[in-house]
């Protein structure tokens, strides 16, 4: 699915100059703050920080610290880099397919973006992609919730623990219930990701505090450059989140 979106981005009549200008000189159209926060929330999902922390702990248990950090840094760069490229491809193809074209936008019409590559098979392929996305989300999101809750409660973060399984299944059940009740998916997704974007600064500030603890991390604690970059990201996300909250009362 990712490769098809990237190929489509390369094949369509896309103004690369305008896209690069938007990347390096970002701007926010009127009324887009909630969407921007949602995009940040879906790119750096707070609950995935808990999931990643636990998976890293299990994957590199007993490994030399320097080697583990080098390998995990490589994993992170590749994952976030590919994620950013895919997001760029999805947004670019959406813009060409729907912006100022008069086309009616809906969840069912999203496959239109892929027609330059797949033609009449776009609908079937996109439906398969949505199913795959649902399956992966059904694994990662409840798993992250199970890690976070069991960790906060001091319970074992063990796949075989009943409480761990119960939390995982409870999250799945709630999602299934909302889907069965006919909740509008796009509105629910935007709301959920915007909530992630608003909660992200809380997690990020706590993470930066821990990453500067010399008694915990020693020589591996954050350096000045990392702190400046991290503080900049936190400030931007916090400002957007507070702005959206303030709009409720203005």
Protein backbone atom coordinates (compact mmCIF):
# COMPACT_ATOMS: atom_id res chain seq x y z
CA UNK A 1 0.00 0.00 0.00
CA UNK A 2 2.82 2.39 0.88
CA UNK A 3 4.65 1.68 -2.37
CA UNK A 4 1.50 2.30 -4.40
CA UNK A 5 0.93 5.68 -2.74
CA UNK A 6 4.56 6.72 -3.33
CA UNK A 7 4.43 5.56 -6.98
CA UNK A 8 1.17 7.48 -7.45
CA UNK A 9 2.77 10.62 -6.00
CA UNK A 10 5.60 10.31 -8.53
CA UNK A 11 3.21 9.74 -11.46
CA UNK A 12 0.62 12.46 -10.90
CA UNK A 13 0.87 16.08 -12.02
CA UNK A 14 2.30 17.33 -8.75
CA UNK A 15 3.90 20.75 -8.28
CA UNK A 16 7.10 19.63 -6.57
CA UNK A 17 8.25 23.23 -6.10
CA UNK A 18 5.11 24.11 -4.17
CA UNK A 19 5.38 20.93 -2.11
CA UNK A 20 9.01 21.63 -1.14
CA UNK A 21 8.09 25.23 -0.35
CA UNK A 22 5.34 23.96 1.95
CA UNK A 23 7.77 21.58 3.65
CA UNK A 24 10.35 24.25 4.47
CA UNK A 25 7.95 27.21 4.87
CA UNK A 26 4.93 25.66 6.58
CA UNK A 27 1.71 27.63 6.91
CA UNK A 28 -1.72 26.97 8.38
CA UNK A 29 -4.86 27.84 6.42
CA UNK A 30 -7.72 29.32 8.41
CA UNK A 31 -9.58 26.69 10.45
CA UNK A 32 -6.91 24.01 9.99
CA UNK A 33 -5.48 23.96 13.54
CA UNK A 34 -7.42 20.86 14.58
CA UNK A 35 -6.27 18.98 11.45
CA UNK A 36 -2.65 20.00 12.05
CA UNK A 37 -2.80 18.79 15.66
CA UNK A 38 -4.40 15.53 14.45
CA UNK A 39 -1.61 15.02 11.89
CA UNK A 40 1.01 15.52 14.60
CA UNK A 41 -0.91 13.18 16.89
CA UNK A 42 -1.13 10.44 14.28
CA UNK A 43 2.58 10.79 13.38
CA UNK A 44 3.98 10.77 16.92
CA UNK A 45 1.31 8.78 18.74
CA UNK A 46 1.78 9.08 22.53
CA UNK A 47 0.70 5.50 23.27
CA UNK A 48 3.26 4.20 20.78
CA UNK A 49 5.98 5.67 23.01
CA UNK A 50 4.90 3.21 25.71
CA UNK A 51 4.73 0.37 23.20
CA UNK A 52 8.15 1.22 21.78
CA UNK A 53 9.73 1.48 25.24
CA UNK A 54 8.53 -1.98 26.24
CA UNK A 55 9.44 -3.62 22.92
CA UNK A 56 12.93 -2.07 23.06
CA UNK A 57 13.36 -3.39 26.58
CA UNK A 58 12.46 -6.90 25.45
CA UNK A 59 14.35 -6.85 22.14
CA UNK A 60 17.70 -5.61 23.47
CA UNK A 61 17.56 -7.22 26.91
CA UNK A 62 21.12 -8.24 27.84
CA UNK A 63 22.66 -6.44 24.83
CA UNK A 64 25.55 -3.98 25.22
CA UNK A 65 24.03 -0.53 25.85
CA UNK A 66 25.99 1.29 23.14
CA UNK A 67 25.06 -1.35 20.56
CA UNK A 68 21.41 -1.34 21.62
CA UNK A 69 21.20 2.47 21.34
CA UNK A 70 22.85 2.47 17.91
CA UNK A 71 20.51 -0.23 16.59
CA UNK A 72 17.37 1.33 18.09
CA UNK A 73 18.35 4.74 16.69
CA UNK A 74 18.64 3.15 13.25
CA UNK A 75 15.20 1.54 13.69
CA UNK A 76 13.69 4.87 14.71
CA UNK A 77 15.20 6.86 11.82
CA UNK A 78 14.00 4.30 9.26
CA UNK A 79 10.50 4.02 10.79
CA UNK A 80 9.87 7.75 11.14
CA UNK A 81 11.47 8.50 7.77
CA UNK A 82 9.27 5.99 5.96
CA UNK A 83 6.24 7.15 7.92
CA UNK A 84 6.86 10.75 6.90
CA UNK A 85 7.31 9.78 3.24
CA UNK A 86 4.05 7.80 3.26
CA UNK A 87 2.17 10.67 4.93
CA UNK A 88 3.54 13.04 2.30
CA UNK A 89 2.44 10.68 -0.48
CA UNK A 90 -1.09 10.27 0.93
CA UNK A 91 -1.56 14.02 1.41
CA UNK A 92 -0.14 14.86 -2.04
CA UNK A 93 -2.31 12.36 -3.89
CA UNK A 94 -5.36 13.49 -1.88
CA UNK A 95 -4.70 17.12 -2.75
CA UNK A 96 -4.51 16.39 -6.49
CA UNK A 97 -7.54 14.07 -6.41
CA UNK A 98 -9.89 16.29 -4.37
CA UNK A 99 -8.66 19.87 -3.91
CA UNK A 100 -10.47 22.33 -6.19
CA UNK A 101 -11.66 19.48 -8.44
CA UNK A 102 -15.31 19.49 -7.40
CA UNK A 103 -15.05 15.81 -6.46
CA UNK A 104 -17.14 14.67 -3.51
CA UNK A 105 -14.87 13.55 -0.68
CA UNK A 106 -15.83 10.52 1.41
CA UNK A 107 -14.19 7.45 2.89
CA UNK A 108 -15.46 5.43 -0.06
CA UNK A 109 -13.94 7.83 -2.61
CA UNK A 110 -10.41 7.72 -1.18
CA UNK A 111 -9.46 4.99 -3.66
CA UNK A 112 -9.68 7.64 -6.40
CA UNK A 113 -6.17 8.70 -5.39
CA UNK A 114 -4.73 5.38 -6.55
CA UNK A 115 -6.37 5.21 -9.98
CA UNK A 116 -3.31 6.62 -11.81
CA UNK A 117 -1.42 3.42 -10.86
CA UNK A 118 -4.13 0.79 -10.34
CA UNK A 119 -6.92 1.96 -12.64
CA UNK A 120 -10.18 0.07 -12.10
CA UNK A 121 -8.56 -2.11 -9.45
CA UNK A 122 -8.07 0.85 -7.09
CA UNK A 123 -11.27 0.22 -5.11
CA UNK A 124 -10.49 -3.44 -4.38
CA UNK A 125 -6.88 -2.72 -3.50
CA UNK A 126 -7.82 0.16 -1.21
CA UNK A 127 -10.44 -1.97 0.54
CA UNK A 128 -7.78 -4.63 1.17
CA UNK A 129 -5.44 -1.93 2.49
CA UNK A 130 -8.09 -0.65 4.91
CA UNK A 131 -8.62 -4.17 6.20
CA UNK A 132 -4.86 -4.61 6.70
CA UNK A 133 -4.65 -1.24 8.47
CA UNK A 134 -7.51 -2.26 10.75
CA UNK A 135 -5.80 -5.53 11.64
CA UNK A 136 -2.47 -3.87 12.45
CA UNK A 137 -4.22 -1.20 14.54
CA UNK A 138 -6.16 -3.91 16.35
CA UNK A 139 -2.80 -5.34 17.42
CA UNK A 140 -0.71 -2.26 18.21
CA UNK A 141 -3.18 0.15 19.89
CA UNK A 142 -4.63 -2.37 22.42
CA UNK A 143 -1.13 -3.74 23.04
CA UNK A 144 0.17 -0.25 23.81
CA UNK A 145 -2.79 0.35 26.14
CA UNK A 146 -2.12 -2.95 27.91
CA UNK A 147 1.54 -2.05 28.44
CA UNK A 148 0.66 1.44 29.70
CA UNK A 149 -2.07 0.33 32.12
CA UNK A 150 -0.25 -2.68 33.53
CA UNK A 151 2.90 -0.60 33.94
CA UNK A 152 1.01 2.16 35.77
CA UNK A 153 -0.70 -0.37 38.03
CA UNK A 154 2.51 -2.22 38.77
CA UNK A 155 1.24 -5.45 37.21
CA UNK A 156 3.42 -7.82 35.15
CA UNK A 157 3.80 -6.72 31.51
CA UNK A 158 3.52 -10.31 30.41
CA UNK A 159 1.50 -11.69 27.50
CA UNK A 160 0.46 -14.62 29.67
CA UNK A 161 -0.90 -12.46 32.50
CA UNK A 162 -4.72 -12.42 32.65
CA UNK A 163 -4.92 -8.72 33.46
CA UNK A 164 -2.70 -7.87 30.48
CA UNK A 165 -4.97 -9.91 28.17
CA UNK A 166 -8.11 -8.39 29.74
CA UNK A 167 -7.03 -4.81 29.01
CA UNK A 168 -6.07 -5.75 25.45
CA UNK A 169 -9.46 -7.37 24.84
CA UNK A 170 -11.34 -4.50 26.52
CA UNK A 171 -9.80 -1.93 24.15
CA UNK A 172 -10.69 -4.16 21.18
CA UNK A 173 -14.25 -4.56 22.46
CA UNK A 174 -14.78 -0.81 22.86
CA UNK A 175 -13.53 -0.16 19.33
CA UNK A 176 -15.76 -2.89 17.94
CA UNK A 177 -18.75 -1.48 19.82
CA UNK A 178 -18.30 2.02 18.38
CA UNK A 179 -17.89 0.58 14.89
CA UNK A 180 -21.06 -1.50 15.31
CA UNK A 181 -23.02 1.57 16.47
CA UNK A 182 -22.25 3.27 13.15
CA UNK A 183 -19.97 6.01 14.48
CA UNK A 184 -18.69 8.19 11.64
CA UNK A 185 -15.15 6.90 11.17
CA UNK A 186 -13.45 10.01 9.78
CA UNK A 187 -14.84 12.29 12.51
CA UNK A 188 -13.88 9.75 15.19
CA UNK A 189 -10.36 9.33 13.75
CA UNK A 190 -9.73 13.09 13.55
CA UNK A 191 -11.01 13.53 17.13
CA UNK A 192 -8.86 10.65 18.44
CA UNK A 193 -5.70 11.85 16.71
CA UNK A 194 -6.33 15.45 17.81
CA UNK A 195 -6.60 14.15 21.38
CA UNK A 196 -3.27 12.37 20.83
CA UNK A 197 -1.76 15.65 19.65
CA UNK A 198 -3.03 17.51 22.72
CA UNK A 199 -1.76 14.81 25.10
CA UNK A 200 1.60 14.48 23.33
CA UNK A 201 3.27 17.45 25.13
CA UNK A 202 2.52 15.88 28.53
CA UNK A 203 4.27 12.66 27.52
CA UNK A 204 7.08 14.52 25.73
CA UNK A 205 7.84 16.78 28.71
CA UNK A 206 8.00 13.78 31.04
CA UNK A 207 10.21 11.94 28.55
CA UNK A 208 12.60 14.90 28.23
CA UNK A 209 12.81 15.14 32.02
CA UNK A 210 13.79 11.46 32.25
CA UNK A 211 16.23 11.76 29.34
CA UNK A 212 18.18 14.42 31.27
CA UNK A 213 18.54 12.33 34.42
CA UNK A 214 22.29 11.69 34.73
CA UNK A 215 21.67 9.30 37.65
CA UNK A 216 19.59 7.07 35.35
CA UNK A 217 21.30 7.44 31.97
CA UNK A 218 24.84 8.61 32.76
CA UNK A 219 26.76 9.37 29.55
CA UNK A 220 23.68 8.58 27.43
CA UNK A 221 21.56 11.45 28.72
CA UNK A 222 20.39 14.18 26.34
CA UNK A 223 22.82 16.78 25.07
CA UNK A 224 22.09 20.48 24.50
CA UNK A 225 21.21 20.11 20.80
CA UNK A 226 18.72 17.32 21.49
CA UNK A 227 17.12 19.34 24.29
CA UNK A 228 16.76 22.44 22.10
CA UNK A 229 15.15 20.46 19.27
CA UNK A 230 12.90 18.61 21.72
CA UNK A 231 11.85 21.81 23.49
CA UNK A 232 11.02 23.42 20.13
CA UNK A 233 8.75 20.52 19.14
CA UNK A 234 7.08 20.51 22.56
CA UNK A 235 6.50 24.27 22.40
CA UNK A 236 4.89 24.07 18.94
CA UNK A 237 2.64 21.13 19.81
CA UNK A 238 1.69 22.68 23.17
CA UNK A 239 0.83 25.98 21.51
CA UNK A 240 -1.40 24.27 18.93
CA UNK A 241 -3.09 22.20 21.63
CA UNK A 242 -3.76 25.22 23.87
CA UNK A 243 -5.04 27.17 20.88
CA UNK A 244 -7.59 24.46 20.09
CA UNK A 245 -8.70 24.31 23.71
CA UNK A 246 -8.99 28.11 23.88
CA UNK A 247 -11.19 28.11 20.76
CA UNK A 248 -13.83 26.20 22.73
CA UNK A 249 -14.31 29.23 24.98
CA UNK A 250 -13.84 32.04 22.46
